[in-house]
Amino acid sequence: MTVSVSRGNEFDTGLLGHRCWLELANGDRIELAVERWTEGCREGDELLLAPCGGPTLDIGCGPGRLAAALTERGVVSLGIDSSTTAVRLSRQRGAIALRRDVFERLPGESRWQHALLADGNIGIGGDPVKLLRRVRELIASDGSALVELEPPGSGLRYEQVQVRSHLHDDSPGSWFTWAWVGVDAIADIAEQAALRVKWTAHRGHRWFAELVHS
């Protein structure tokens, strides 16, 4: 997971494998999938990777497990992340990665065959419709976006959150808006972004969808 706003050391500790979580304004905590970020690809990741036969943009690449896996398969891929630590770790894994905000000008606009939004990154910016409209600008007319979603019944949820970790428990981070999209809500959100759902699927507790131009 990555965000398109300035972050402190709390998030980078997660990229380095330390436990961290999103803290909500009411004090609730949502654990972040740090082990998934930092280890190799797991079951479920293949649902994101298998359709990627052409140039692929990994948005919010984190430590680069997906971008590196695509590179190993001979697929042209680029990871982008607003964290310097994420970019460094991605490159160490063999991926090509740049420190970029998805809403800024990016290489290959309108020519990417696929774009990935894994590990909850559909919440980037706290506005899934705006984000998917931007993704639509980035992918080719016959391209697709592969997104990871929340389970059925989750709907659409917005919260003010901050990233916290035990290593920086006495120094709260900056508050920002995050969003969660359930598989039951993706069709409506995609339609507002001039996209449509090609398929949805799940592996274990993880849910995914592929979106294409409508």
N, C-alpha and C. Protein backbone atom coordinates (compact mmCIF):
# COMPACT_ATOMS: atom_id res chain seq x y z
N MET A 1 0.85 -1.19 0.00
CA MET A 1 0.00 0.00 0.00
C MET A 1 0.88 1.23 0.00
N THR A 2 0.43 2.25 -0.72
CA THR A 2 1.14 3.51 -0.72
C THR A 2 0.15 4.65 -0.81
N VAL A 3 0.56 5.83 -0.46
CA VAL A 3 -0.33 6.99 -0.52
C VAL A 3 0.34 8.07 -1.33
N SER A 4 -0.47 8.98 -1.85
CA SER A 4 0.07 10.03 -2.70
C SER A 4 0.22 11.34 -1.94
N VAL A 5 0.50 11.22 -0.66
CA VAL A 5 0.74 12.39 0.17
C VAL A 5 2.04 12.17 0.93
N SER A 6 2.56 13.23 1.50
CA SER A 6 3.81 13.12 2.24
C SER A 6 3.65 12.21 3.44
N ARG A 7 4.64 11.34 3.66
CA ARG A 7 4.59 10.41 4.77
C ARG A 7 5.89 10.44 5.54
N GLY A 8 5.82 10.02 6.77
CA GLY A 8 7.01 10.00 7.60
C GLY A 8 7.60 8.62 7.70
N ASN A 9 8.42 8.41 8.72
CA ASN A 9 9.14 7.16 8.86
C ASN A 9 8.24 5.98 9.19
N GLU A 10 7.03 6.22 9.71
CA GLU A 10 6.16 5.13 10.11
C GLU A 10 5.87 4.20 8.94
N PHE A 11 5.56 4.75 7.77
CA PHE A 11 5.25 3.92 6.62
C PHE A 11 6.49 3.17 6.15
N ASP A 12 7.62 3.84 6.13
CA ASP A 12 8.85 3.18 5.67
C ASP A 12 9.24 2.02 6.57
N THR A 13 8.89 2.06 7.86
CA THR A 13 9.19 0.92 8.71
C THR A 13 8.43 -0.31 8.23
N GLY A 14 7.21 -0.10 7.72
CA GLY A 14 6.45 -1.21 7.15
C GLY A 14 7.10 -1.76 5.90
N LEU A 15 7.60 -0.87 5.06
CA LEU A 15 8.30 -1.31 3.84
C LEU A 15 9.52 -2.15 4.19
N LEU A 16 10.10 -1.87 5.35
CA LEU A 16 11.29 -2.60 5.78
C LEU A 16 10.95 -3.86 6.58
N GLY A 17 9.65 -4.17 6.68
CA GLY A 17 9.23 -5.43 7.29
C GLY A 17 8.76 -5.35 8.71
N HIS A 18 8.68 -4.14 9.29
CA HIS A 18 8.21 -4.00 10.67
C HIS A 18 6.69 -3.82 10.70
N ARG A 19 6.07 -4.31 11.75
CA ARG A 19 4.62 -4.22 11.88
C ARG A 19 4.18 -2.76 11.92
N CYS A 20 3.13 -2.45 11.14
CA CYS A 20 2.53 -1.11 11.21
C CYS A 20 1.05 -1.22 10.87
N TRP A 21 0.33 -0.15 11.11
CA TRP A 21 -1.12 -0.18 10.93
C TRP A 21 -1.63 1.22 10.59
N LEU A 22 -2.85 1.25 10.05
CA LEU A 22 -3.57 2.50 9.88
C LEU A 22 -4.40 2.73 11.14
N GLU A 23 -4.24 3.89 11.73
CA GLU A 23 -5.04 4.26 12.89
C GLU A 23 -6.13 5.21 12.45
N LEU A 24 -7.37 4.88 12.77
CA LEU A 24 -8.51 5.72 12.42
C LEU A 24 -8.73 6.80 13.47
N ALA A 25 -9.52 7.79 13.13
CA ALA A 25 -9.77 8.90 14.04
C ALA A 25 -10.43 8.44 15.34
N ASN A 26 -11.20 7.34 15.28
CA ASN A 26 -11.85 6.84 16.49
C ASN A 26 -10.96 5.92 17.30
N GLY A 27 -9.70 5.74 16.87
CA GLY A 27 -8.76 4.92 17.60
C GLY A 27 -8.65 3.49 17.10
N ASP A 28 -9.55 3.06 16.22
CA ASP A 28 -9.47 1.71 15.67
C ASP A 28 -8.20 1.55 14.83
N ARG A 29 -7.73 0.32 14.73
CA ARG A 29 -6.52 0.04 13.96
C ARG A 29 -6.81 -0.98 12.87
N ILE A 30 -6.20 -0.77 11.71
CA ILE A 30 -6.27 -1.72 10.60
C ILE A 30 -4.84 -2.14 10.28
N GLU A 31 -4.52 -3.40 10.55
CA GLU A 31 -3.17 -3.90 10.31
C GLU A 31 -2.86 -3.88 8.81
N LEU A 32 -1.65 -3.49 8.47
CA LEU A 32 -1.19 -3.49 7.09
C LEU A 32 -0.46 -4.80 6.80
N ALA A 33 -0.60 -5.26 5.56
CA ALA A 33 -0.09 -6.59 5.18
C ALA A 33 1.41 -6.53 4.89
N VAL A 34 2.18 -6.21 5.91
CA VAL A 34 3.62 -5.99 5.74
C VAL A 34 4.32 -7.23 5.21
N GLU A 35 3.96 -8.40 5.73
CA GLU A 35 4.62 -9.63 5.26
C GLU A 35 4.38 -9.84 3.78
N ARG A 36 3.18 -9.56 3.31
CA ARG A 36 2.90 -9.72 1.88
C ARG A 36 3.73 -8.77 1.05
N TRP A 37 3.88 -7.51 1.53
CA TRP A 37 4.67 -6.54 0.77
C TRP A 37 6.10 -7.00 0.58
N THR A 38 6.69 -7.53 1.66
CA THR A 38 8.13 -7.72 1.70
C THR A 38 8.57 -9.11 1.25
N GLU A 39 7.66 -10.08 1.21
CA GLU A 39 8.03 -11.42 0.77
C GLU A 39 7.78 -11.57 -0.73
N GLY A 40 7.98 -12.78 -1.23
CA GLY A 40 7.73 -13.04 -2.64
C GLY A 40 6.24 -13.12 -2.92
N CYS A 41 5.91 -13.31 -4.20
CA CYS A 41 4.51 -13.38 -4.60
C CYS A 41 3.83 -14.59 -3.98
N ARG A 42 2.57 -14.41 -3.61
CA ARG A 42 1.79 -15.45 -2.99
C ARG A 42 0.60 -15.81 -3.87
N GLU A 43 -0.12 -16.86 -3.42
CA GLU A 43 -1.36 -17.20 -4.11
C GLU A 43 -2.28 -15.98 -4.07
N GLY A 44 -2.88 -15.68 -5.16
CA GLY A 44 -3.69 -14.46 -5.28
C GLY A 44 -2.98 -13.45 -6.14
N ASP A 45 -1.68 -13.27 -5.91
CA ASP A 45 -0.93 -12.35 -6.76
C ASP A 45 -0.97 -12.79 -8.23
N GLU A 46 -1.08 -14.11 -8.45
CA GLU A 46 -1.11 -14.61 -9.83
C GLU A 46 -2.33 -14.10 -10.58
N LEU A 47 -3.43 -13.84 -9.88
CA LEU A 47 -4.61 -13.27 -10.54
C LEU A 47 -4.32 -11.88 -11.10
N LEU A 48 -3.42 -11.16 -10.44
CA LEU A 48 -3.01 -9.85 -10.93
C LEU A 48 -1.98 -9.97 -12.05
N LEU A 49 -1.07 -10.93 -11.92
CA LEU A 49 0.06 -11.02 -12.83
C LEU A 49 -0.27 -11.74 -14.14
N ALA A 50 -1.10 -12.78 -14.07
CA ALA A 50 -1.33 -13.62 -15.25
C ALA A 50 -1.84 -12.85 -16.47
N PRO A 51 -2.75 -11.86 -16.31
CA PRO A 51 -3.21 -11.14 -17.50
C PRO A 51 -2.18 -10.18 -18.09
N CYS A 52 -1.09 -9.94 -17.39
CA CYS A 52 -0.15 -8.89 -17.79
C CYS A 52 0.84 -9.41 -18.84
N GLY A 53 0.39 -9.38 -20.10
CA GLY A 53 1.23 -9.83 -21.20
C GLY A 53 1.94 -8.70 -21.91
N GLY A 54 1.61 -7.47 -21.55
CA GLY A 54 2.23 -6.30 -22.17
C GLY A 54 2.72 -5.33 -21.11
N PRO A 55 3.25 -4.19 -21.54
CA PRO A 55 3.82 -3.21 -20.60
C PRO A 55 2.86 -2.90 -19.45
N THR A 56 3.37 -2.98 -18.22
CA THR A 56 2.52 -2.88 -17.04
C THR A 56 3.07 -1.84 -16.07
N LEU A 57 2.18 -0.99 -15.58
CA LEU A 57 2.52 0.03 -14.60
C LEU A 57 2.00 -0.42 -13.24
N ASP A 58 2.90 -0.57 -12.27
CA ASP A 58 2.54 -0.98 -10.91
C ASP A 58 2.45 0.28 -10.06
N ILE A 59 1.23 0.70 -9.76
CA ILE A 59 0.97 1.96 -9.06
C ILE A 59 1.01 1.71 -7.55
N GLY A 60 1.92 2.42 -6.86
CA GLY A 60 2.12 2.16 -5.44
C GLY A 60 2.83 0.84 -5.26
N CYS A 61 3.98 0.70 -5.91
CA CYS A 61 4.65 -0.61 -6.01
C CYS A 61 5.23 -1.10 -4.69
N GLY A 62 5.38 -0.21 -3.69
CA GLY A 62 5.98 -0.65 -2.44
C GLY A 62 7.37 -1.22 -2.68
N PRO A 63 7.72 -2.33 -1.99
CA PRO A 63 9.05 -2.91 -2.17
C PRO A 63 9.24 -3.64 -3.49
N GLY A 64 8.20 -3.66 -4.36
CA GLY A 64 8.40 -4.09 -5.73
C GLY A 64 8.22 -5.56 -6.03
N ARG A 65 7.47 -6.30 -5.21
CA ARG A 65 7.37 -7.74 -5.47
C ARG A 65 6.68 -8.03 -6.81
N LEU A 66 5.65 -7.26 -7.16
CA LEU A 66 4.92 -7.53 -8.40
C LEU A 66 5.70 -7.05 -9.62
N ALA A 67 6.26 -5.85 -9.54
CA ALA A 67 7.05 -5.34 -10.67
C ALA A 67 8.25 -6.24 -10.92
N ALA A 68 8.88 -6.72 -9.86
CA ALA A 68 10.04 -7.59 -10.02
C ALA A 68 9.63 -8.93 -10.61
N ALA A 69 8.48 -9.46 -10.20
CA ALA A 69 8.00 -10.73 -10.75
C ALA A 69 7.72 -10.61 -12.24
N LEU A 70 7.15 -9.49 -12.65
CA LEU A 70 6.89 -9.28 -14.07
C LEU A 70 8.20 -9.16 -14.85
N THR A 71 9.16 -8.46 -14.29
CA THR A 71 10.46 -8.33 -14.94
C THR A 71 11.09 -9.71 -15.14
N GLU A 72 11.00 -10.56 -14.13
CA GLU A 72 11.55 -11.92 -14.23
C GLU A 72 10.86 -12.71 -15.33
N ARG A 73 9.60 -12.40 -15.63
CA ARG A 73 8.86 -13.09 -16.68
C ARG A 73 9.10 -12.49 -18.06
N GLY A 74 9.90 -11.45 -18.11
CA GLY A 74 10.18 -10.80 -19.38
C GLY A 74 9.16 -9.77 -19.80
N VAL A 75 8.28 -9.37 -18.87
CA VAL A 75 7.26 -8.36 -19.15
C VAL A 75 7.82 -6.98 -18.81
N VAL A 76 7.73 -6.05 -19.72
CA VAL A 76 8.16 -4.68 -19.45
C VAL A 76 7.27 -4.11 -18.36
N SER A 77 7.88 -3.62 -17.29
CA SER A 77 7.09 -3.10 -16.18
C SER A 77 7.80 -1.94 -15.53
N LEU A 78 7.01 -1.07 -14.91
CA LEU A 78 7.53 0.07 -14.18
C LEU A 78 6.76 0.20 -12.88
N GLY A 79 7.47 0.28 -11.77
CA GLY A 79 6.83 0.55 -10.50
C GLY A 79 6.96 2.02 -10.16
N ILE A 80 5.90 2.61 -9.64
CA ILE A 80 5.96 3.98 -9.15
C ILE A 80 5.50 4.02 -7.71
N ASP A 81 6.13 4.86 -6.92
CA ASP A 81 5.77 5.01 -5.51
C ASP A 81 6.28 6.37 -5.06
N SER A 82 5.57 6.96 -4.13
CA SER A 82 5.98 8.26 -3.62
C SER A 82 6.98 8.14 -2.47
N SER A 83 7.37 6.91 -2.12
CA SER A 83 8.35 6.67 -1.06
C SER A 83 9.72 6.37 -1.67
N THR A 84 10.72 7.13 -1.26
CA THR A 84 12.09 6.86 -1.70
C THR A 84 12.54 5.48 -1.28
N THR A 85 12.17 5.07 -0.07
CA THR A 85 12.53 3.74 0.42
C THR A 85 11.93 2.65 -0.46
N ALA A 86 10.67 2.81 -0.85
CA ALA A 86 10.02 1.82 -1.71
C ALA A 86 10.74 1.69 -3.05
N VAL A 87 11.11 2.82 -3.63
CA VAL A 87 11.81 2.79 -4.92
C VAL A 87 13.15 2.09 -4.78
N ARG A 88 13.88 2.39 -3.72
CA ARG A 88 15.18 1.75 -3.50
C ARG A 88 15.03 0.24 -3.35
N LEU A 89 14.06 -0.20 -2.54
CA LEU A 89 13.86 -1.63 -2.33
C LEU A 89 13.41 -2.32 -3.62
N SER A 90 12.57 -1.65 -4.41
CA SER A 90 12.12 -2.22 -5.68
C SER A 90 13.29 -2.45 -6.61
N ARG A 91 14.17 -1.46 -6.69
CA ARG A 91 15.32 -1.60 -7.57
C ARG A 91 16.26 -2.71 -7.09
N GLN A 92 16.37 -2.87 -5.78
CA GLN A 92 17.21 -3.94 -5.24
C GLN A 92 16.68 -5.32 -5.62
N ARG A 93 15.35 -5.40 -5.84
CA ARG A 93 14.74 -6.67 -6.24
C ARG A 93 14.82 -6.89 -7.74
N GLY A 94 15.34 -5.92 -8.48
CA GLY A 94 15.48 -6.08 -9.92
C GLY A 94 14.41 -5.40 -10.73
N ALA A 95 13.51 -4.66 -10.09
CA ALA A 95 12.46 -3.95 -10.81
C ALA A 95 12.94 -2.56 -11.23
N ILE A 96 12.34 -2.04 -12.27
CA ILE A 96 12.53 -0.64 -12.63
C ILE A 96 11.49 0.17 -11.87
N ALA A 97 11.91 1.18 -11.15
CA ALA A 97 10.97 1.94 -10.31
C ALA A 97 11.38 3.40 -10.27
N LEU A 98 10.36 4.26 -10.18
CA LEU A 98 10.56 5.70 -10.10
C LEU A 98 9.76 6.26 -8.94
N ARG A 99 10.29 7.33 -8.33
CA ARG A 99 9.56 8.03 -7.28
C ARG A 99 8.62 9.03 -7.96
N ARG A 100 7.35 8.68 -8.01
CA ARG A 100 6.35 9.48 -8.69
C ARG A 100 5.02 9.41 -7.95
N ASP A 101 4.23 10.46 -8.09
CA ASP A 101 2.84 10.50 -7.67
C ASP A 101 2.01 10.14 -8.89
N VAL A 102 1.04 9.25 -8.74
CA VAL A 102 0.24 8.80 -9.87
C VAL A 102 -0.50 9.94 -10.55
N PHE A 103 -0.78 11.02 -9.82
CA PHE A 103 -1.53 12.13 -10.41
C PHE A 103 -0.63 13.14 -11.12
N GLU A 104 0.68 12.90 -11.09
CA GLU A 104 1.61 13.74 -11.85
C GLU A 104 1.86 13.11 -13.21
N ARG A 105 2.56 13.85 -14.08
CA ARG A 105 2.91 13.34 -15.40
C ARG A 105 3.79 12.11 -15.26
N LEU A 106 3.46 11.04 -16.03
CA LEU A 106 4.19 9.78 -15.94
C LEU A 106 4.66 9.33 -17.31
N PRO A 107 5.71 8.52 -17.36
CA PRO A 107 6.14 7.97 -18.65
C PRO A 107 5.06 7.08 -19.26
N GLY A 108 4.94 7.10 -20.57
CA GLY A 108 4.08 6.17 -21.28
C GLY A 108 2.59 6.39 -21.10
N GLU A 109 2.17 7.60 -20.81
CA GLU A 109 0.74 7.84 -20.60
C GLU A 109 -0.06 7.43 -21.83
N SER A 110 -1.16 6.74 -21.58
CA SER A 110 -2.11 6.23 -22.58
C SER A 110 -1.55 5.05 -23.37
N ARG A 111 -0.36 4.55 -22.99
CA ARG A 111 0.23 3.44 -23.75
C ARG A 111 0.45 2.19 -22.89
N TRP A 112 0.19 2.25 -21.60
CA TRP A 112 0.36 1.06 -20.77
C TRP A 112 -0.73 0.04 -21.07
N GLN A 113 -0.32 -1.20 -21.24
CA GLN A 113 -1.31 -2.24 -21.51
C GLN A 113 -2.08 -2.62 -20.24
N HIS A 114 -1.39 -2.51 -19.12
CA HIS A 114 -2.04 -2.86 -17.86
C HIS A 114 -1.56 -1.91 -16.76
N ALA A 115 -2.41 -1.72 -15.76
CA ALA A 115 -2.03 -0.98 -14.56
C ALA A 115 -2.47 -1.80 -13.36
N LEU A 116 -1.61 -1.89 -12.37
CA LEU A 116 -1.90 -2.65 -11.15
C LEU A 116 -2.22 -1.72 -9.99
N LEU A 117 -3.26 -2.06 -9.25
CA LEU A 117 -3.60 -1.40 -7.98
C LEU A 117 -3.79 -2.51 -6.96
N ALA A 118 -2.68 -3.00 -6.42
CA ALA A 118 -2.72 -4.12 -5.49
C ALA A 118 -2.70 -3.64 -4.05
N ASP A 119 -2.94 -4.57 -3.11
CA ASP A 119 -2.75 -4.31 -1.69
C ASP A 119 -3.51 -3.09 -1.18
N GLY A 120 -4.71 -2.87 -1.71
CA GLY A 120 -5.53 -1.76 -1.23
C GLY A 120 -5.22 -0.43 -1.87
N ASN A 121 -4.37 -0.40 -2.89
CA ASN A 121 -3.97 0.87 -3.48
C ASN A 121 -5.08 1.58 -4.25
N ILE A 122 -6.23 0.95 -4.42
CA ILE A 122 -7.37 1.66 -4.98
C ILE A 122 -7.82 2.77 -4.04
N GLY A 123 -7.32 2.76 -2.81
CA GLY A 123 -7.63 3.82 -1.85
C GLY A 123 -6.75 5.04 -1.97
N ILE A 124 -5.75 5.02 -2.84
CA ILE A 124 -4.83 6.15 -2.98
C ILE A 124 -5.59 7.45 -3.24
N GLY A 125 -5.29 8.46 -2.45
CA GLY A 125 -5.91 9.76 -2.63
C GLY A 125 -7.28 9.89 -1.98
N GLY A 126 -7.84 8.76 -1.50
CA GLY A 126 -9.13 8.81 -0.84
C GLY A 126 -10.31 9.04 -1.75
N ASP A 127 -10.13 8.86 -3.07
CA ASP A 127 -11.20 9.09 -4.04
C ASP A 127 -11.04 8.07 -5.17
N PRO A 128 -11.64 6.88 -5.05
CA PRO A 128 -11.45 5.83 -6.05
C PRO A 128 -11.90 6.22 -7.46
N VAL A 129 -12.94 7.03 -7.58
CA VAL A 129 -13.38 7.45 -8.91
C VAL A 129 -12.32 8.31 -9.58
N LYS A 130 -11.80 9.28 -8.85
CA LYS A 130 -10.74 10.13 -9.40
C LYS A 130 -9.52 9.30 -9.78
N LEU A 131 -9.15 8.36 -8.92
CA LEU A 131 -7.99 7.52 -9.19
C LEU A 131 -8.21 6.68 -10.44
N LEU A 132 -9.37 6.06 -10.57
CA LEU A 132 -9.63 5.21 -11.74
C LEU A 132 -9.74 6.04 -13.02
N ARG A 133 -10.24 7.26 -12.91
CA ARG A 133 -10.22 8.13 -14.09
C ARG A 133 -8.79 8.41 -14.53
N ARG A 134 -7.90 8.59 -13.57
CA ARG A 134 -6.49 8.80 -13.89
C ARG A 134 -5.89 7.53 -14.50
N VAL A 135 -6.22 6.38 -13.93
CA VAL A 135 -5.73 5.12 -14.49
C VAL A 135 -6.21 4.94 -15.92
N ARG A 136 -7.45 5.31 -16.19
CA ARG A 136 -7.98 5.21 -17.55
C ARG A 136 -7.16 6.04 -18.53
N GLU A 137 -6.65 7.19 -18.07
CA GLU A 137 -5.78 8.01 -18.92
C GLU A 137 -4.44 7.34 -19.19
N LEU A 138 -4.01 6.51 -18.26
CA LEU A 138 -2.69 5.90 -18.35
C LEU A 138 -2.66 4.66 -19.23
N ILE A 139 -3.77 3.91 -19.29
CA ILE A 139 -3.78 2.66 -20.04
C ILE A 139 -4.24 2.90 -21.48
N ALA A 140 -3.81 2.00 -22.35
CA ALA A 140 -4.20 2.07 -23.76
C ALA A 140 -5.70 1.78 -23.91
N SER A 141 -6.24 2.07 -25.08
CA SER A 141 -7.67 1.88 -25.30
C SER A 141 -8.09 0.43 -25.16
N ASP A 142 -7.16 -0.50 -25.41
CA ASP A 142 -7.45 -1.92 -25.23
C ASP A 142 -6.77 -2.47 -23.98
N GLY A 143 -6.37 -1.58 -23.09
CA GLY A 143 -5.68 -1.99 -21.87
C GLY A 143 -6.64 -2.27 -20.74
N SER A 144 -6.08 -2.59 -19.57
CA SER A 144 -6.91 -2.92 -18.42
C SER A 144 -6.24 -2.51 -17.13
N ALA A 145 -7.06 -2.35 -16.11
CA ALA A 145 -6.59 -2.11 -14.74
C ALA A 145 -6.93 -3.34 -13.91
N LEU A 146 -5.94 -3.85 -13.19
CA LEU A 146 -6.14 -5.00 -12.32
C LEU A 146 -6.06 -4.51 -10.88
N VAL A 147 -7.16 -4.67 -10.15
CA VAL A 147 -7.28 -4.04 -8.84
C VAL A 147 -7.61 -5.07 -7.77
N GLU A 148 -7.07 -4.84 -6.58
CA GLU A 148 -7.42 -5.67 -5.42
C GLU A 148 -8.48 -4.95 -4.61
N LEU A 149 -9.47 -5.70 -4.13
CA LEU A 149 -10.65 -5.12 -3.50
C LEU A 149 -10.90 -5.74 -2.13
N GLU A 150 -11.86 -5.17 -1.43
CA GLU A 150 -12.32 -5.72 -0.16
C GLU A 150 -13.40 -6.78 -0.43
N PRO A 151 -13.69 -7.63 0.53
CA PRO A 151 -14.67 -8.71 0.31
C PRO A 151 -16.07 -8.17 0.04
N PRO A 152 -16.95 -9.02 -0.49
CA PRO A 152 -18.35 -8.61 -0.72
C PRO A 152 -18.98 -8.11 0.57
N GLY A 153 -19.84 -7.11 0.42
CA GLY A 153 -20.50 -6.52 1.57
C GLY A 153 -19.77 -5.35 2.17
N SER A 154 -18.55 -5.06 1.69
CA SER A 154 -17.77 -3.95 2.24
C SER A 154 -18.21 -2.60 1.72
N GLY A 155 -18.80 -2.58 0.50
CA GLY A 155 -19.24 -1.32 -0.07
C GLY A 155 -18.08 -0.36 -0.30
N LEU A 156 -18.37 0.93 -0.16
CA LEU A 156 -17.38 1.99 -0.29
C LEU A 156 -17.25 2.70 1.05
N ARG A 157 -16.02 2.86 1.51
CA ARG A 157 -15.77 3.44 2.83
C ARG A 157 -14.63 4.43 2.76
N TYR A 158 -14.80 5.58 3.41
CA TYR A 158 -13.76 6.59 3.51
C TYR A 158 -13.44 6.83 4.99
N GLU A 159 -12.18 7.03 5.31
CA GLU A 159 -11.79 7.34 6.68
C GLU A 159 -10.56 8.25 6.67
N GLN A 160 -10.46 9.08 7.72
CA GLN A 160 -9.22 9.79 8.00
C GLN A 160 -8.31 8.84 8.78
N VAL A 161 -7.09 8.67 8.31
CA VAL A 161 -6.18 7.71 8.93
C VAL A 161 -4.78 8.31 9.07
N GLN A 162 -3.99 7.68 9.90
CA GLN A 162 -2.56 7.96 9.97
C GLN A 162 -1.83 6.62 10.10
N VAL A 163 -0.60 6.57 9.59
CA VAL A 163 0.19 5.35 9.67
C VAL A 163 0.95 5.36 10.99
N ARG A 164 0.86 4.26 11.73
CA ARG A 164 1.55 4.15 13.01
C ARG A 164 2.35 2.86 13.05
N SER A 165 3.37 2.84 13.88
CA SER A 165 4.16 1.63 14.12
C SER A 165 4.69 1.67 15.54
N HIS A 166 5.08 0.51 16.05
CA HIS A 166 5.66 0.45 17.39
C HIS A 166 6.98 1.21 17.47
N LEU A 167 7.68 1.30 16.37
CA LEU A 167 8.98 1.96 16.38
C LEU A 167 8.85 3.48 16.52
N HIS A 168 7.66 4.01 16.16
CA HIS A 168 7.46 5.45 16.25
C HIS A 168 6.15 5.74 16.99
N ASP A 169 5.88 4.99 18.04
CA ASP A 169 4.59 5.09 18.72
C ASP A 169 4.39 6.43 19.40
N ASP A 170 5.49 7.15 19.68
CA ASP A 170 5.37 8.43 20.36
C ASP A 170 5.38 9.62 19.39
N SER A 171 5.35 9.33 18.08
CA SER A 171 5.38 10.42 17.09
C SER A 171 4.33 10.17 16.01
N PRO A 172 3.08 10.58 16.26
CA PRO A 172 2.00 10.34 15.30
C PRO A 172 2.33 10.91 13.92
N GLY A 173 1.84 10.24 12.89
CA GLY A 173 2.04 10.71 11.53
C GLY A 173 0.99 11.72 11.12
N SER A 174 1.04 12.12 9.86
CA SER A 174 0.07 13.07 9.32
C SER A 174 -1.23 12.34 8.99
N TRP A 175 -2.34 13.02 9.18
CA TRP A 175 -3.65 12.46 8.83
C TRP A 175 -3.90 12.64 7.33
N PHE A 176 -4.52 11.64 6.71
CA PHE A 176 -4.90 11.73 5.30
C PHE A 176 -6.13 10.86 5.09
N THR A 177 -6.81 11.04 3.96
CA THR A 177 -8.01 10.28 3.65
C THR A 177 -7.64 9.01 2.89
N TRP A 178 -8.20 7.91 3.32
CA TRP A 178 -8.03 6.64 2.62
C TRP A 178 -9.40 6.08 2.30
N ALA A 179 -9.47 5.24 1.28
CA ALA A 179 -10.74 4.64 0.87
C ALA A 179 -10.59 3.14 0.72
N TRP A 180 -11.67 2.42 0.96
CA TRP A 180 -11.74 0.97 0.75
C TRP A 180 -12.92 0.69 -0.17
N VAL A 181 -12.72 -0.19 -1.14
CA VAL A 181 -13.75 -0.52 -2.12
C VAL A 181 -14.01 -2.02 -2.08
N GLY A 182 -15.26 -2.38 -1.80
CA GLY A 182 -15.63 -3.79 -1.81
C GLY A 182 -15.92 -4.26 -3.23
N VAL A 183 -15.83 -5.56 -3.44
CA VAL A 183 -16.12 -6.10 -4.76
C VAL A 183 -17.55 -5.80 -5.17
N ASP A 184 -18.43 -5.61 -4.20
CA ASP A 184 -19.83 -5.28 -4.49
C ASP A 184 -20.01 -3.84 -4.94
N ALA A 185 -19.01 -2.99 -4.74
CA ALA A 185 -19.12 -1.57 -5.11
C ALA A 185 -18.33 -1.21 -6.35
N ILE A 186 -17.50 -2.11 -6.86
CA ILE A 186 -16.57 -1.72 -7.91
C ILE A 186 -17.26 -1.41 -9.23
N ALA A 187 -18.36 -2.07 -9.55
CA ALA A 187 -19.01 -1.83 -10.84
C ALA A 187 -19.49 -0.39 -10.96
N ASP A 188 -20.11 0.13 -9.91
CA ASP A 188 -20.61 1.50 -9.93
C ASP A 188 -19.47 2.50 -10.00
N ILE A 189 -18.42 2.26 -9.23
CA ILE A 189 -17.27 3.17 -9.22
C ILE A 189 -16.57 3.15 -10.58
N ALA A 190 -16.42 1.95 -11.15
CA ALA A 190 -15.80 1.84 -12.47
C ALA A 190 -16.62 2.60 -13.52
N GLU A 191 -17.94 2.48 -13.46
CA GLU A 191 -18.81 3.16 -14.43
C GLU A 191 -18.62 4.67 -14.36
N GLN A 192 -18.48 5.21 -13.16
CA GLN A 192 -18.26 6.65 -13.01
C GLN A 192 -16.92 7.09 -13.60
N ALA A 193 -15.99 6.15 -13.72
CA ALA A 193 -14.67 6.44 -14.29
C ALA A 193 -14.59 6.05 -15.76
N ALA A 194 -15.74 5.73 -16.38
CA ALA A 194 -15.80 5.32 -17.79
C ALA A 194 -15.05 4.00 -18.02
N LEU A 195 -15.14 3.11 -17.04
CA LEU A 195 -14.59 1.77 -17.13
C LEU A 195 -15.72 0.77 -16.86
N ARG A 196 -15.45 -0.49 -17.14
CA ARG A 196 -16.42 -1.54 -16.79
C ARG A 196 -15.66 -2.74 -16.25
N VAL A 197 -16.36 -3.55 -15.49
CA VAL A 197 -15.76 -4.74 -14.89
C VAL A 197 -15.77 -5.88 -15.89
N LYS A 198 -14.59 -6.42 -16.17
CA LYS A 198 -14.46 -7.57 -17.07
C LYS A 198 -14.67 -8.86 -16.30
N TRP A 199 -14.08 -8.96 -15.12
CA TRP A 199 -14.28 -10.12 -14.25
C TRP A 199 -13.94 -9.76 -12.82
N THR A 200 -14.47 -10.55 -11.91
CA THR A 200 -14.06 -10.51 -10.50
C THR A 200 -13.73 -11.94 -10.09
N ALA A 201 -12.83 -12.06 -9.13
CA ALA A 201 -12.43 -13.39 -8.65
C ALA A 201 -11.82 -13.25 -7.27
N HIS A 202 -11.64 -14.38 -6.60
CA HIS A 202 -10.99 -14.34 -5.28
C HIS A 202 -10.11 -15.55 -5.10
N ARG A 203 -9.11 -15.38 -4.27
CA ARG A 203 -8.24 -16.45 -3.81
C ARG A 203 -8.10 -16.29 -2.30
N GLY A 204 -8.59 -17.27 -1.57
CA GLY A 204 -8.58 -17.16 -0.12
C GLY A 204 -9.41 -15.98 0.33
N HIS A 205 -8.80 -15.08 1.10
CA HIS A 205 -9.52 -13.91 1.61
C HIS A 205 -9.29 -12.68 0.75
N ARG A 206 -8.65 -12.83 -0.40
CA ARG A 206 -8.35 -11.68 -1.27
C ARG A 206 -9.26 -11.68 -2.49
N TRP A 207 -9.72 -10.48 -2.86
CA TRP A 207 -10.64 -10.30 -3.98
C TRP A 207 -10.03 -9.38 -5.03
N PHE A 208 -10.35 -9.64 -6.32
CA PHE A 208 -9.72 -8.92 -7.41
C PHE A 208 -10.73 -8.65 -8.52
N ALA A 209 -10.40 -7.67 -9.36
CA ALA A 209 -11.21 -7.39 -10.55
C ALA A 209 -10.31 -6.87 -11.65
N GLU A 210 -10.74 -7.10 -12.87
CA GLU A 210 -10.09 -6.48 -14.03
C GLU A 210 -11.07 -5.50 -14.65
N LEU A 211 -10.61 -4.27 -14.87
CA LEU A 211 -11.44 -3.21 -15.43
C LEU A 211 -10.90 -2.83 -16.81
N VAL A 212 -11.83 -2.59 -17.74
CA VAL A 212 -11.44 -2.19 -19.10
C VAL A 212 -12.26 -0.96 -19.49
N HIS A 213 -11.86 -0.33 -20.58
CA HIS A 213 -12.59 0.84 -21.08
C HIS A 213 -14.03 0.45 -21.40
N SER A 214 -14.96 1.29 -21.04
CA SER A 214 -16.38 1.02 -21.33
C SER A 214 -16.73 1.49 -22.73
